[in-house]
Structures are given as C-alpha cells and as structure tokens.
Amino acid sequence: MLIFNKLQNQLGIGNPPFTILLTIFISFFVANTKAQVSVAALLDSTTILIGDQTDLHLQVTSPPNVAVQFPVITAQQLGDLEILKTNQPDTLQASATQLTIQQNITVTAFDSGFYRIPELPFKYGNQTLYSKPLELQVLTLQIDSTFIAPIKPIRNVPITLREIATMIGTFLAIIALVVLLIWWLRRRNQKEPEPEPIYVPPAHIPALEKLNILEKEKLWQQDKTKEYYTRLTYIFREYLENRYGVNALESTTDEILGWLSREKFSDDLTTKLRNTLQASDLVKFAKSKPGVDIHQNALDTAYEFIHATKKTLTEEDEAQLKISNKK
C-alpha cells in the first residue's frame, strides 16, 4: 500500500475510483502468486497392521524462483508414530514455470488405534501454507477362535548316526573327566616323599683321604713343587673351614696364623703350621726350592694337625661311613 501511495502522489492521481481499481488489481496479483504455490501431505496407505511401515509424502509445487521450507517433523507431530527414516527432499518434476519437490518419511506404530497427523506448516517468505490433516489406522491381527486344530500325535523320529556318535563322544568325555578328577584328587592327597638327608661326613674324613692321594702322587719327587704346595695348603685351608667355620680359603696366610695364635693349640704344632704355610708362600710366589725334608715335614704337619683336631665319630657317623664305603 505504501508503494501504491507513492505511485499515486507521483502521478497526481487522487480520485477514489482509481484507488479502488488499483487495489483490486494488486489483490488479484497477490492471490495469483499464492495460487501458484501448493503443498500436500499424502500417505501410501491409511490402514496398516501393527508393526508394518508406510511412507508419508510431503509435496510442494511452486515456481522455480520461490523457495519453500519443508516442516521439521517429530514423532509428537505425527500423533506419536515412530519415525524410522527421513529422506532428503527430491525433485519429481521441473519445468520453466513449475517445480514439484517431495520428501518421504517412513513411519510405523506398535500400538493399535487411530493416529492423527495434523496440519503441517510449509513456509516461504512471510507466508505459511498448511497441509490437510491425515489419519492412519493401525490394526492388530485377527485370531480366528472358531477353529481349533486337534492335537497331533507324537511322532517317533529315528535316531541318526550323527546323534549316536554325539552321544558316544559325550559319554567318553564324561568318563575321561571323571578319571582325570579321581587321579588329581589322589595325587593331591598324596604326600610328597621327603628327600633323603644328605650325609656330610666329618671334616677330617675327606681331608685325610685327599692327603693320602696327594702323598701317593709324589708330586715334589717329580719336580712339581709348586703344585704340591698349592694342593697341600688348599686341603689344610678347606679342613679349617669345614671343621671350625673359618673363611680360610679366602684368607691370607697372616690372617690364618693370627687365627691359629688366638686358638689354644700347642705351641709346637702352631710353629710347625707357621713354617709350613710360610714355606708354601715362598714356593708359590717367590719360586723358592726348599729341601726334601721340608716337603715331607709339611705333609706330616698337615696329618698331625688334622689328627689332633678331628671330631670324634658318633655311632651315626660310623654307620653312615660304612654305607658310603659299600656304595
């Protein structure tokens, strides 16, 4: 109307008949534009069984230059129908003067009854067009209660070879499990045999045996003096460690002599041991060559010390020695 007033002022036209005619023309033009846009909502079927599906088609027919907005559909808008799928709008027909667009919505219902689909709004510009309301009837399956089939007799089905093999395999598996369970229970209840105690003879027994072997080998007679004293002092140190718990194998000669002086051995025996150990160090480290009598005296001193300090054998020791000798 504002445009109309401006036009009237510019043309200088102000008589009432002209105003009436121009108003009728503009109203006809606007009505003709509205008539060019149409909307619709259609159902593939107005009656379905419970759980079945049907499609709701939303259609818009308009000029190509008019953009129409489809409504956003929710389950509440469709009378609580469940929406399974909403497709994008798709063009069905297109020409220079007319465009038809359709959007498909798949719905279903799991309760019987009537579902009302209300008017749906389609917007374009400042205008809103509404589709016609629809109704969808959902039916349940009808049960024919007039006919009741008689109860069929029990049929005997023959046993197949596969079923027999399955039963035999199951039976054998159960027997194997029972045998395995019994074996496991017996094994669990059995006490493991206690290991036989290892008899450790008194320290002087292996020491005297090693001295006898060393004496029979006659090493110093074969000019193997260093090997002779090395083995002799090792046997002596090993005896001290096993008899008294002294860390003699890793101790120096001075440390062993210090320990001997603190123990209450005879002075004569202690002096002999000192001479033997010092002579051994001279042979091993200074390449000394003592006389023949010193070699024999060193061996005799070791025998004398072991016999003087050996542990008295008990009856159990003697019995174990007899068993060891038999073996």
C-alpha atoms as a PDB file:
ATOM      1  CA  MET A   1       0.000   0.000   0.000  1.00  0.00           C
ATOM      2  CA  LEU A   2       2.941   2.329   0.674  1.00  0.00           C
ATOM      3  CA  ILE A   3       4.138   1.740  -2.891  1.00  0.00           C
ATOM      4  CA  PHE A   4       0.641   2.485  -4.126  1.00  0.00           C
ATOM      5  CA  ASN A   5       0.565   5.849  -2.246  1.00  0.00           C
ATOM      6  CA  LYS A   6       3.940   6.887  -3.685  1.00  0.00           C
ATOM      7  CA  LEU A   7       2.757   5.977  -7.175  1.00  0.00           C
ATOM      8  CA  GLN A   8      -0.444   7.933  -6.664  1.00  0.00           C
ATOM      9  CA  ASN A   9       1.427  11.024  -5.488  1.00  0.00           C
ATOM     10  CA  GLN A  10       3.883  10.873  -8.416  1.00  0.00           C
ATOM     11  CA  LEU A  11       1.092  10.559 -10.965  1.00  0.00           C
ATOM     12  CA  GLY A  12      -1.035  13.132  -9.229  1.00  0.00           C
ATOM     13  CA  ILE A  13      -3.967  10.794  -9.137  1.00  0.00           C
ATOM     14  CA  GLY A  14      -6.169  11.076  -6.116  1.00  0.00           C
ATOM     15  CA  ASN A  15      -9.691  10.282  -7.193  1.00  0.00           C
ATOM     16  CA  PRO A  16     -11.419   7.377  -5.358  1.00  0.00           C
ATOM     17  CA  PRO A  17     -12.373   5.306  -8.440  1.00  0.00           C
ATOM     18  CA  PHE A  18      -8.768   4.912  -9.452  1.00  0.00           C
ATOM     19  CA  THR A  19      -7.799   3.916  -5.938  1.00  0.00           C
ATOM     20  CA  ILE A  20     -10.402   1.183  -5.867  1.00  0.00           C
ATOM     21  CA  LEU A  21      -9.335  -0.246  -9.226  1.00  0.00           C
ATOM     22  CA  LEU A  22      -5.670  -0.266  -8.316  1.00  0.00           C
ATOM     23  CA  THR A  23      -6.407  -2.009  -5.007  1.00  0.00           C
ATOM     24  CA  ILE A  24      -8.361  -4.739  -6.775  1.00  0.00           C
ATOM     25  CA  PHE A  25      -5.506  -5.257  -9.258  1.00  0.00           C
ATOM     26  CA  ILE A  26      -2.865  -5.627  -6.549  1.00  0.00           C
ATOM     27  CA  SER A  27      -5.032  -8.030  -4.533  1.00  0.00           C
ATOM     28  CA  PHE A  28      -5.585 -10.162  -7.629  1.00  0.00           C
ATOM     29  CA  PHE A  29      -1.822 -10.241  -8.304  1.00  0.00           C
ATOM     30  CA  VAL A  30      -1.022 -11.354  -4.761  1.00  0.00           C
ATOM     31  CA  ALA A  31      -3.762 -14.010  -4.824  1.00  0.00           C
ATOM     32  CA  ASN A  32      -2.458 -15.285  -8.125  1.00  0.00           C
ATOM     33  CA  THR A  33       1.046 -15.650  -6.635  1.00  0.00           C
ATOM     34  CA  LYS A  34      -0.317 -17.654  -3.703  1.00  0.00           C
ATOM     35  CA  ALA A  35      -2.245 -19.849  -6.056  1.00  0.00           C
ATOM     36  CA  GLN A  36       0.993 -20.774  -7.796  1.00  0.00           C
ATOM     37  CA  VAL A  37       2.335 -22.445  -4.569  1.00  0.00           C
ATOM     38  CA  SER A  38       0.597 -25.580  -3.290  1.00  0.00           C
ATOM     39  CA  VAL A  39       1.500 -28.070  -0.566  1.00  0.00           C
ATOM     40  CA  ALA A  40       0.199 -31.539   0.292  1.00  0.00           C
ATOM     41  CA  ALA A  41       0.736 -34.440   2.691  1.00  0.00           C
ATOM     42  CA  LEU A  42      -0.124 -37.952   1.479  1.00  0.00           C
ATOM     43  CA  LEU A  43       0.086 -41.474   2.975  1.00  0.00           C
ATOM     44  CA  ASP A  44       0.821 -44.567   0.942  1.00  0.00           C
ATOM     45  CA  SER A  45      -1.823 -46.357   2.983  1.00  0.00           C
ATOM     46  CA  THR A  46      -4.260 -45.116   5.596  1.00  0.00           C
ATOM     47  CA  THR A  47      -4.514 -48.600   7.197  1.00  0.00           C
ATOM     48  CA  ILE A  48      -1.631 -50.835   8.248  1.00  0.00           C
ATOM     49  CA  LEU A  49      -1.110 -53.818  10.541  1.00  0.00           C
ATOM     50  CA  ILE A  50       0.711 -53.303  13.805  1.00  0.00           C
ATOM     51  CA  GLY A  51       4.473 -53.208  13.184  1.00  0.00           C
ATOM     52  CA  ASP A  52       4.105 -52.541   9.435  1.00  0.00           C
ATOM     53  CA  GLN A  53       5.525 -49.462   7.737  1.00  0.00           C
ATOM     54  CA  THR A  54       4.121 -46.798   5.472  1.00  0.00           C
ATOM     55  CA  ASP A  55       5.505 -43.647   3.829  1.00  0.00           C
ATOM     56  CA  LEU A  56       4.315 -40.108   4.441  1.00  0.00           C
ATOM     57  CA  HIS A  57       4.914 -37.962   1.334  1.00  0.00           C
ATOM     58  CA  LEU A  58       5.293 -34.191   1.709  1.00  0.00           C
ATOM     59  CA  GLN A  59       4.908 -32.391  -1.633  1.00  0.00           C
ATOM     60  CA  VAL A  60       5.472 -28.781  -2.682  1.00  0.00           C
ATOM     61  CA  THR A  61       4.544 -27.356  -6.104  1.00  0.00           C
ATOM     62  CA  SER A  62       5.813 -23.831  -6.761  1.00  0.00           C
ATOM     63  CA  PRO A  63       7.512 -21.603  -9.338  1.00  0.00           C
ATOM     64  CA  PRO A  64      11.255 -22.293  -9.674  1.00  0.00           C
ATOM     65  CA  ASN A  65      12.155 -18.929  -8.144  1.00  0.00           C
ATOM     66  CA  VAL A  66      10.121 -19.494  -4.956  1.00  0.00           C
ATOM     67  CA  ALA A  67      11.921 -21.296  -2.102  1.00  0.00           C
ATOM     68  CA  VAL A  68       9.559 -23.265   0.161  1.00  0.00           C
ATOM     69  CA  GLN A  69      10.763 -24.601   3.513  1.00  0.00           C
ATOM     70  CA  PHE A  70       9.587 -28.112   4.447  1.00  0.00           C
ATOM     71  CA  PRO A  71       8.390 -28.645   8.034  1.00  0.00           C
ATOM     72  CA  VAL A  72      10.679 -30.332  10.566  1.00  0.00           C
ATOM     73  CA  ILE A  73       8.749 -33.468  11.560  1.00  0.00           C
ATOM     74  CA  THR A  74       8.864 -35.024  15.040  1.00  0.00           C
ATOM     75  CA  ALA A  75       7.144 -38.108  16.465  1.00  0.00           C
ATOM     76  CA  GLN A  76       4.872 -35.901  18.575  1.00  0.00           C
ATOM     77  CA  GLN A  77       3.691 -34.050  15.476  1.00  0.00           C
ATOM     78  CA  LEU A  78       2.698 -37.376  13.893  1.00  0.00           C
ATOM     79  CA  GLY A  79       0.480 -38.466  16.768  1.00  0.00           C
ATOM     80  CA  ASP A  80       3.292 -40.493  18.431  1.00  0.00           C
ATOM     81  CA  LEU A  81       4.020 -42.506  15.316  1.00  0.00           C
ATOM     82  CA  GLU A  82       7.604 -43.779  15.256  1.00  0.00           C
ATOM     83  CA  ILE A  83       9.763 -42.248  12.536  1.00  0.00           C
ATOM     84  CA  LEU A  84      12.064 -44.858  11.001  1.00  0.00           C
ATOM     85  CA  LYS A  85      13.671 -42.799   8.231  1.00  0.00           C
ATOM     86  CA  THR A  86      13.510 -39.251   6.895  1.00  0.00           C
ATOM     87  CA  ASN A  87      14.766 -38.758   3.343  1.00  0.00           C
ATOM     88  CA  GLN A  88      16.054 -35.533   1.865  1.00  0.00           C
ATOM     89  CA  PRO A  89      13.649 -33.579  -0.399  1.00  0.00           C
ATOM     90  CA  ASP A  90      13.848 -34.751  -4.017  1.00  0.00           C
ATOM     91  CA  THR A  91      12.705 -33.054  -7.217  1.00  0.00           C
ATOM     92  CA  LEU A  92       9.940 -35.005  -9.021  1.00  0.00           C
ATOM     93  CA  GLN A  93       9.124 -32.591 -11.866  1.00  0.00           C
ATOM     94  CA  ALA A  94      10.789 -29.455 -13.143  1.00  0.00           C
ATOM     95  CA  SER A  95       9.868 -27.017 -15.877  1.00  0.00           C
ATOM     96  CA  ALA A  96      10.300 -23.335 -16.672  1.00  0.00           C
ATOM     97  CA  THR A  97       7.104 -22.419 -14.782  1.00  0.00           C
ATOM     98  CA  GLN A  98       6.622 -25.168 -12.194  1.00  0.00           C
ATOM     99  CA  LEU A  99       8.732 -27.247  -9.781  1.00  0.00           C
ATOM    100  CA  THR A 100       7.491 -30.251  -7.726  1.00  0.00           C
ATOM    101  CA  ILE A 101       9.573 -31.392  -4.757  1.00  0.00           C
ATOM    102  CA  GLN A 102       8.757 -34.364  -2.494  1.00  0.00           C
ATOM    103  CA  GLN A 103      10.128 -35.562   0.830  1.00  0.00           C
ATOM    104  CA  ASN A 104       9.411 -39.120   2.072  1.00  0.00           C
ATOM    105  CA  ILE A 105       9.162 -40.049   5.761  1.00  0.00           C
ATOM    106  CA  THR A 106       8.833 -43.740   6.754  1.00  0.00           C
ATOM    107  CA  VAL A 107       6.680 -44.308   9.862  1.00  0.00           C
ATOM    108  CA  THR A 108       5.387 -47.263  11.880  1.00  0.00           C
ATOM    109  CA  ALA A 109       3.377 -47.999  15.041  1.00  0.00           C
ATOM    110  CA  PHE A 110       3.417 -50.807  17.595  1.00  0.00           C
ATOM    111  CA  ASP A 111       0.097 -49.977  19.238  1.00  0.00           C
ATOM    112  CA  SER A 112      -3.230 -50.376  17.523  1.00  0.00           C
ATOM    113  CA  GLY A 113      -5.609 -47.457  17.123  1.00  0.00           C
ATOM    114  CA  PHE A 114      -6.059 -44.231  15.145  1.00  0.00           C
ATOM    115  CA  TYR A 115      -3.153 -41.845  14.708  1.00  0.00           C
ATOM    116  CA  ARG A 116      -3.875 -38.293  13.602  1.00  0.00           C
ATOM    117  CA  ILE A 117      -1.331 -36.408  11.548  1.00  0.00           C
ATOM    118  CA  PRO A 118      -2.139 -32.700  11.983  1.00  0.00           C
ATOM    119  CA  GLU A 119      -1.758 -29.846   9.530  1.00  0.00           C
ATOM    120  CA  LEU A 120       1.907 -29.402   8.680  1.00  0.00           C
ATOM    121  CA  PRO A 121       3.320 -25.897   8.040  1.00  0.00           C
ATOM    122  CA  PHE A 122       5.252 -25.039   4.868  1.00  0.00           C
ATOM    123  CA  LYS A 123       6.902 -21.601   4.858  1.00  0.00           C
ATOM    124  CA  TYR A 124       8.082 -19.371   2.018  1.00  0.00           C
ATOM    125  CA  GLY A 125       8.905 -15.725   2.528  1.00  0.00           C
ATOM    126  CA  ASN A 126       6.428 -14.315   5.041  1.00  0.00           C
ATOM    127  CA  GLN A 127       3.740 -16.775   4.007  1.00  0.00           C
ATOM    128  CA  THR A 128       2.775 -20.139   5.608  1.00  0.00           C
ATOM    129  CA  LEU A 129       0.716 -22.827   3.918  1.00  0.00           C
ATOM    130  CA  TYR A 130      -0.674 -25.871   5.753  1.00  0.00           C
ATOM    131  CA  SER A 131      -1.317 -29.379   4.501  1.00  0.00           C
ATOM    132  CA  LYS A 132      -4.590 -31.158   5.180  1.00  0.00           C
ATOM    133  CA  PRO A 133      -4.711 -33.380   8.325  1.00  0.00           C
ATOM    134  CA  LEU A 134      -4.492 -37.143   7.849  1.00  0.00           C
ATOM    135  CA  GLU A 135      -5.480 -40.238   9.838  1.00  0.00           C
ATOM    136  CA  LEU A 136      -3.685 -43.584   9.997  1.00  0.00           C
ATOM    137  CA  GLN A 137      -5.390 -46.675  11.395  1.00  0.00           C
ATOM    138  CA  VAL A 138      -3.216 -49.407  12.891  1.00  0.00           C
ATOM    139  CA  LEU A 139      -4.856 -52.827  13.168  1.00  0.00           C
ATOM    140  CA  THR A 140      -3.914 -55.958  15.109  1.00  0.00           C
ATOM    141  CA  LEU A 141      -4.006 -59.468  13.672  1.00  0.00           C
ATOM    142  CA  GLN A 142      -7.397 -61.081  13.946  1.00  0.00           C
ATOM    143  CA  ILE A 143      -7.338 -64.552  15.522  1.00  0.00           C
ATOM    144  CA  ASP A 144      -9.926 -66.997  14.273  1.00  0.00           C
ATOM    145  CA  SER A 145     -11.258 -68.547  17.507  1.00  0.00           C
ATOM    146  CA  THR A 146     -13.960 -70.558  15.732  1.00  0.00           C
ATOM    147  CA  PHE A 147     -11.487 -73.240  14.633  1.00  0.00           C
ATOM    148  CA  ILE A 148      -9.219 -75.140  16.998  1.00  0.00           C
ATOM    149  CA  ALA A 149      -6.892 -77.672  15.417  1.00  0.00           C
ATOM    150  CA  PRO A 150      -6.754 -81.093  17.100  1.00  0.00           C
ATOM    151  CA  ILE A 151      -3.617 -82.130  18.990  1.00  0.00           C
ATOM    152  CA  LYS A 152      -1.367 -84.132  16.730  1.00  0.00           C
ATOM    153  CA  PRO A 153       0.013 -87.454  17.994  1.00  0.00           C
ATOM    154  CA  ILE A 154       3.664 -87.790  18.998  1.00  0.00           C
ATOM    155  CA  ARG A 155       5.859 -88.839  16.117  1.00  0.00           C
ATOM    156  CA  ASN A 156       8.767 -91.183  16.638  1.00  0.00           C
ATOM    157  CA  VAL A 157      11.818 -89.775  14.889  1.00  0.00           C
ATOM    158  CA  PRO A 158      14.579 -92.337  14.144  1.00  0.00           C
ATOM    159  CA  ILE A 159      17.995 -91.701  15.691  1.00  0.00           C
ATOM    160  CA  THR A 160      20.648 -90.823  13.144  1.00  0.00           C
ATOM    161  CA  LEU A 161      24.271 -91.952  13.106  1.00  0.00           C
ATOM    162  CA  ARG A 162      25.364 -88.402  13.883  1.00  0.00           C
ATOM    163  CA  GLU A 163      23.255 -88.350  17.033  1.00  0.00           C
ATOM    164  CA  ILE A 164      24.656 -91.749  18.106  1.00  0.00           C
ATOM    165  CA  ALA A 165      28.232 -90.513  17.549  1.00  0.00           C
ATOM    166  CA  THR A 166      27.477 -87.364  19.567  1.00  0.00           C
ATOM    167  CA  MET A 167      26.095 -89.403  22.484  1.00  0.00           C
ATOM    168  CA  ILE A 168      29.077 -91.787  22.470  1.00  0.00           C
ATOM    169  CA  GLY A 169      31.531 -88.879  22.331  1.00  0.00           C
ATOM    170  CA  THR A 170      29.764 -87.141  25.224  1.00  0.00           C
ATOM    171  CA  PHE A 171      29.794 -90.362  27.283  1.00  0.00           C
ATOM    172  CA  LEU A 172      33.518 -90.909  26.672  1.00  0.00           C
ATOM    173  CA  ALA A 173      34.287 -87.283  27.533  1.00  0.00           C
ATOM    174  CA  ILE A 174      32.416 -87.615  30.847  1.00  0.00           C
ATOM    175  CA  ILE A 175      34.345 -90.812  31.702  1.00  0.00           C
ATOM    176  CA  ALA A 176      37.659 -89.110  30.873  1.00  0.00           C
ATOM    177  CA  LEU A 177      36.787 -86.158  33.094  1.00  0.00           C
ATOM    178  CA  VAL A 178      35.818 -88.442  35.979  1.00  0.00           C
ATOM    179  CA  VAL A 179      39.079 -90.424  35.675  1.00  0.00           C
ATOM    180  CA  LEU A 180      41.095 -87.217  35.498  1.00  0.00           C
ATOM    181  CA  LEU A 181      39.315 -85.834  38.574  1.00  0.00           C
ATOM    182  CA  ILE A 182      39.960 -89.029  40.578  1.00  0.00           C
ATOM    183  CA  TRP A 183      43.647 -89.017  39.577  1.00  0.00           C
ATOM    184  CA  TRP A 184      44.000 -85.365  40.550  1.00  0.00           C
ATOM    185  CA  LEU A 185      42.336 -85.897  43.954  1.00  0.00           C
ATOM    186  CA  ARG A 186      44.569 -88.867  44.740  1.00  0.00           C
ATOM    187  CA  ARG A 187      47.675 -87.004  43.650  1.00  0.00           C
ATOM    188  CA  ARG A 188      46.715 -84.001  45.748  1.00  0.00           C
ATOM    189  CA  ASN A 189      46.182 -86.141  48.862  1.00  0.00           C
ATOM    190  CA  GLN A 190      49.477 -87.976  48.436  1.00  0.00           C
ATOM    191  CA  LYS A 191      52.308 -86.545  50.448  1.00  0.00           C
ATOM    192  CA  GLU A 192      55.464 -85.974  48.532  1.00  0.00           C
ATOM    193  CA  PRO A 193      58.243 -88.215  49.816  1.00  0.00           C
ATOM    194  CA  GLU A 194      60.710 -86.372  51.932  1.00  0.00           C
ATOM    195  CA  PRO A 195      64.124 -86.148  50.313  1.00  0.00           C
ATOM    196  CA  GLU A 196      66.756 -88.339  51.840  1.00  0.00           C
ATOM    197  CA  PRO A 197      69.072 -86.350  54.047  1.00  0.00           C
ATOM    198  CA  ILE A 198      72.478 -85.820  52.554  1.00  0.00           C
ATOM    199  CA  TYR A 199      75.124 -87.146  54.867  1.00  0.00           C
ATOM    200  CA  VAL A 200      78.072 -84.819  55.315  1.00  0.00           C
ATOM    201  CA  PRO A 201      80.990 -86.705  56.848  1.00  0.00           C
ATOM    202  CA  PRO A 202      83.175 -85.040  59.495  1.00  0.00           C
ATOM    203  CA  ALA A 203      85.727 -82.644  58.045  1.00  0.00           C
ATOM    204  CA  HIS A 204      88.739 -84.837  58.761  1.00  0.00           C
ATOM    205  CA  ILE A 205      87.470 -87.769  56.665  1.00  0.00           C
ATOM    206  CA  PRO A 206      87.719 -86.093  53.201  1.00  0.00           C
ATOM    207  CA  ALA A 207      90.813 -84.150  54.311  1.00  0.00           C
ATOM    208  CA  LEU A 208      92.749 -87.310  55.220  1.00  0.00           C
ATOM    209  CA  GLU A 209      91.622 -89.009  52.013  1.00  0.00           C
ATOM    210  CA  LYS A 210      92.899 -86.075  49.930  1.00  0.00           C
ATOM    211  CA  LEU A 211      96.216 -86.070  51.809  1.00  0.00           C
ATOM    212  CA  ASN A 212      96.645 -89.777  51.115  1.00  0.00           C
ATOM    213  CA  ILE A 213      96.003 -89.202  47.385  1.00  0.00           C
ATOM    214  CA  LEU A 214      98.461 -86.300  47.358  1.00  0.00           C
ATOM    215  CA  GLU A 215     101.125 -88.397  49.057  1.00  0.00           C
ATOM    216  CA  LYS A 216     100.708 -91.233  46.573  1.00  0.00           C
ATOM    217  CA  GLU A 217     101.036 -88.912  43.573  1.00  0.00           C
ATOM    218  CA  LYS A 218     104.604 -87.970  44.617  1.00  0.00           C
ATOM    219  CA  LEU A 219     104.456 -84.547  43.041  1.00  0.00           C
ATOM    220  CA  TRP A 220     107.548 -82.992  44.659  1.00  0.00           C
ATOM    221  CA  GLN A 221     109.526 -86.079  43.649  1.00  0.00           C
ATOM    222  CA  GLN A 222     108.560 -85.221  40.018  1.00  0.00           C
ATOM    223  CA  ASP A 223     109.779 -81.619  40.438  1.00  0.00           C
ATOM    224  CA  LYS A 224     106.168 -80.350  40.725  1.00  0.00           C
ATOM    225  CA  THR A 225     106.846 -78.490  43.918  1.00  0.00           C
ATOM    226  CA  LYS A 226     104.512 -75.573  43.315  1.00  0.00           C
ATOM    227  CA  GLU A 227     101.546 -77.832  42.508  1.00  0.00           C
ATOM    228  CA  TYR A 228     102.365 -79.935  45.583  1.00  0.00           C
ATOM    229  CA  TYR A 229     102.260 -76.973  47.990  1.00  0.00           C
ATOM    230  CA  THR A 230      99.223 -75.455  46.296  1.00  0.00           C
ATOM    231  CA  ARG A 231      97.193 -78.593  46.830  1.00  0.00           C
ATOM    232  CA  LEU A 232      98.579 -79.214  50.320  1.00  0.00           C
ATOM    233  CA  THR A 233      97.651 -75.748  51.604  1.00  0.00           C
ATOM    234  CA  TYR A 234      94.260 -75.938  49.900  1.00  0.00           C
ATOM    235  CA  ILE A 235      93.459 -79.223  51.727  1.00  0.00           C
ATOM    236  CA  PHE A 236      94.561 -77.629  55.013  1.00  0.00           C
ATOM    237  CA  ARG A 237      92.517 -74.452  54.444  1.00  0.00           C
ATOM    238  CA  GLU A 238      89.462 -76.450  53.412  1.00  0.00           C
ATOM    239  CA  TYR A 239      89.738 -78.528  56.584  1.00  0.00           C
ATOM    240  CA  LEU A 240      89.884 -75.398  58.752  1.00  0.00           C
ATOM    241  CA  GLU A 241      86.789 -74.003  57.020  1.00  0.00           C
ATOM    242  CA  ASN A 242      84.756 -77.224  57.361  1.00  0.00           C
ATOM    243  CA  ARG A 243      85.935 -78.007  60.921  1.00  0.00           C
ATOM    244  CA  TYR A 244      85.830 -74.566  62.544  1.00  0.00           C
ATOM    245  CA  GLY A 245      83.794 -72.413  60.150  1.00  0.00           C
ATOM    246  CA  VAL A 246      86.750 -70.173  59.402  1.00  0.00           C
ATOM    247  CA  ASN A 247      86.768 -68.451  55.998  1.00  0.00           C
ATOM    248  CA  ALA A 248      90.187 -69.953  55.406  1.00  0.00           C
ATOM    249  CA  LEU A 249      90.002 -70.410  51.635  1.00  0.00           C
ATOM    250  CA  GLU A 250      89.804 -66.642  51.103  1.00  0.00           C
ATOM    251  CA  SER A 251      92.080 -65.619  53.973  1.00  0.00           C
ATOM    252  CA  THR A 252      95.745 -64.711  53.687  1.00  0.00           C
ATOM    253  CA  THR A 253      98.478 -66.647  55.441  1.00  0.00           C
ATOM    254  CA  ASP A 254      98.873 -63.907  58.061  1.00  0.00           C
ATOM    255  CA  GLU A 255      95.126 -63.998  58.810  1.00  0.00           C
ATOM    256  CA  ILE A 256      95.217 -67.782  59.264  1.00  0.00           C
ATOM    257  CA  LEU A 257      98.279 -67.552  61.504  1.00  0.00           C
ATOM    258  CA  GLY A 258      96.550 -64.857  63.536  1.00  0.00           C
ATOM    259  CA  TRP A 259      93.553 -67.130  63.998  1.00  0.00           C
ATOM    260  CA  LEU A 260      95.811 -70.076  64.991  1.00  0.00           C
ATOM    261  CA  SER A 261      97.580 -67.942  67.606  1.00  0.00           C
ATOM    262  CA  ARG A 262      94.252 -66.948  69.161  1.00  0.00           C
ATOM    263  CA  GLU A 263      93.137 -70.571  69.434  1.00  0.00           C
ATOM    264  CA  LYS A 264      94.674 -72.694  72.184  1.00  0.00           C
ATOM    265  CA  PHE A 265      96.679 -75.120  70.079  1.00  0.00           C
ATOM    266  CA  SER A 266     100.040 -76.383  71.254  1.00  0.00           C
ATOM    267  CA  ASP A 267     102.966 -74.073  70.614  1.00  0.00           C
ATOM    268  CA  ASP A 268     104.867 -76.818  68.831  1.00  0.00           C
ATOM    269  CA  LEU A 269     102.003 -77.524  66.430  1.00  0.00           C
ATOM    270  CA  THR A 270     101.381 -73.830  65.807  1.00  0.00           C
ATOM    271  CA  THR A 271     105.080 -73.310  64.999  1.00  0.00           C
ATOM    272  CA  LYS A 272     105.048 -76.216  62.546  1.00  0.00           C
ATOM    273  CA  LEU A 273     101.969 -74.827  60.801  1.00  0.00           C
ATOM    274  CA  ARG A 274     103.591 -71.389  60.543  1.00  0.00           C
ATOM    275  CA  ASN A 275     106.685 -72.889  58.945  1.00  0.00           C
ATOM    276  CA  THR A 276     104.599 -74.924  56.517  1.00  0.00           C
ATOM    277  CA  LEU A 277     102.414 -72.012  55.394  1.00  0.00           C
ATOM    278  CA  GLN A 278     105.373 -69.636  55.019  1.00  0.00           C
ATOM    279  CA  ALA A 279     107.339 -72.216  53.035  1.00  0.00           C
ATOM    280  CA  SER A 280     104.316 -72.714  50.807  1.00  0.00           C
ATOM    281  CA  ASP A 281     104.086 -68.970  50.100  1.00  0.00           C
ATOM    282  CA  LEU A 282     107.797 -68.858  49.239  1.00  0.00           C
ATOM    283  CA  VAL A 283     107.381 -71.714  46.781  1.00  0.00           C
ATOM    284  CA  LYS A 284     104.215 -70.334  45.154  1.00  0.00           C
ATOM    285  CA  PHE A 285     105.161 -66.660  44.982  1.00  0.00           C
ATOM    286  CA  ALA A 286     108.949 -66.460  45.266  1.00  0.00           C
ATOM    287  CA  LYS A 287     109.794 -69.649  43.350  1.00  0.00           C
ATOM    288  CA  SER A 288     111.769 -70.929  46.326  1.00  0.00           C
ATOM    289  CA  LYS A 289     113.068 -74.512  46.322  1.00  0.00           C
ATOM    290  CA  PRO A 290     113.162 -75.848  49.890  1.00  0.00           C
ATOM    291  CA  GLY A 291     114.892 -79.086  50.830  1.00  0.00           C
ATOM    292  CA  VAL A 292     113.406 -82.526  50.545  1.00  0.00           C
ATOM    293  CA  ASP A 293     112.960 -82.822  54.294  1.00  0.00           C
ATOM    294  CA  ILE A 294     110.781 -79.665  54.332  1.00  0.00           C
ATOM    295  CA  HIS A 295     108.412 -81.207  51.744  1.00  0.00           C
ATOM    296  CA  GLN A 296     107.833 -84.272  53.909  1.00  0.00           C
ATOM    297  CA  ASN A 297     107.601 -82.214  57.105  1.00  0.00           C
ATOM    298  CA  ALA A 298     104.875 -80.062  55.551  1.00  0.00           C
ATOM    299  CA  LEU A 299     102.821 -83.165  54.745  1.00  0.00           C
ATOM    300  CA  ASP A 300     103.436 -84.674  58.204  1.00  0.00           C
ATOM    301  CA  THR A 301     102.400 -81.372  59.863  1.00  0.00           C
ATOM    302  CA  ALA A 302      99.089 -81.403  57.994  1.00  0.00           C
ATOM    303  CA  TYR A 303      98.477 -85.026  59.081  1.00  0.00           C
ATOM    304  CA  GLU A 304      99.378 -84.167  62.670  1.00  0.00           C
ATOM    305  CA  PHE A 305      97.089 -81.109  62.867  1.00  0.00           C
ATOM    306  CA  ILE A 306      94.104 -82.958  61.403  1.00  0.00           C
ATOM    307  CA  HIS A 307      94.506 -85.935  63.732  1.00  0.00           C
ATOM    308  CA  ALA A 308      94.943 -83.634  66.704  1.00  0.00           C
ATOM    309  CA  THR A 309      91.809 -81.614  65.974  1.00  0.00           C
ATOM    310  CA  LYS A 310      89.494 -84.129  64.338  1.00  0.00           C
ATOM    311  CA  LYS A 311      85.979 -84.613  65.638  1.00  0.00           C
ATOM    312  CA  THR A 312      85.161 -87.798  67.496  1.00  0.00           C
ATOM    313  CA  LEU A 313      82.940 -90.059  65.404  1.00  0.00           C
ATOM    314  CA  THR A 314      79.478 -90.885  66.693  1.00  0.00           C
ATOM    315  CA  GLU A 315      77.654 -94.157  66.088  1.00  0.00           C
ATOM    316  CA  GLU A 316      75.612 -92.458  63.370  1.00  0.00           C
ATOM    317  CA  ASP A 317      78.792 -91.249  61.673  1.00  0.00           C
ATOM    318  CA  GLU A 318      80.282 -94.741  61.754  1.00  0.00           C
ATOM    319  CA  ALA A 319      77.078 -96.252  60.310  1.00  0.00           C
ATOM    320  CA  GLN A 320      76.950 -93.676  57.527  1.00  0.00           C
ATOM    321  CA  LEU A 321      80.643 -94.244  56.745  1.00  0.00           C
ATOM    322  CA  LYS A 322      80.008 -97.972  56.399  1.00  0.00           C
ATOM    323  CA  ILE A 323      77.148 -97.267  53.985  1.00  0.00           C
ATOM    324  CA  SER A 324      79.314 -94.846  51.986  1.00  0.00           C
ATOM    325  CA  ASN A 325      82.152 -97.367  51.785  1.00  0.00           C
ATOM    326  CA  LYS A 326      79.754-100.029  50.493  1.00  0.00           C
ATOM    327  CA  LYS A 327      78.487 -97.658  47.792  1.00  0.00           C
END
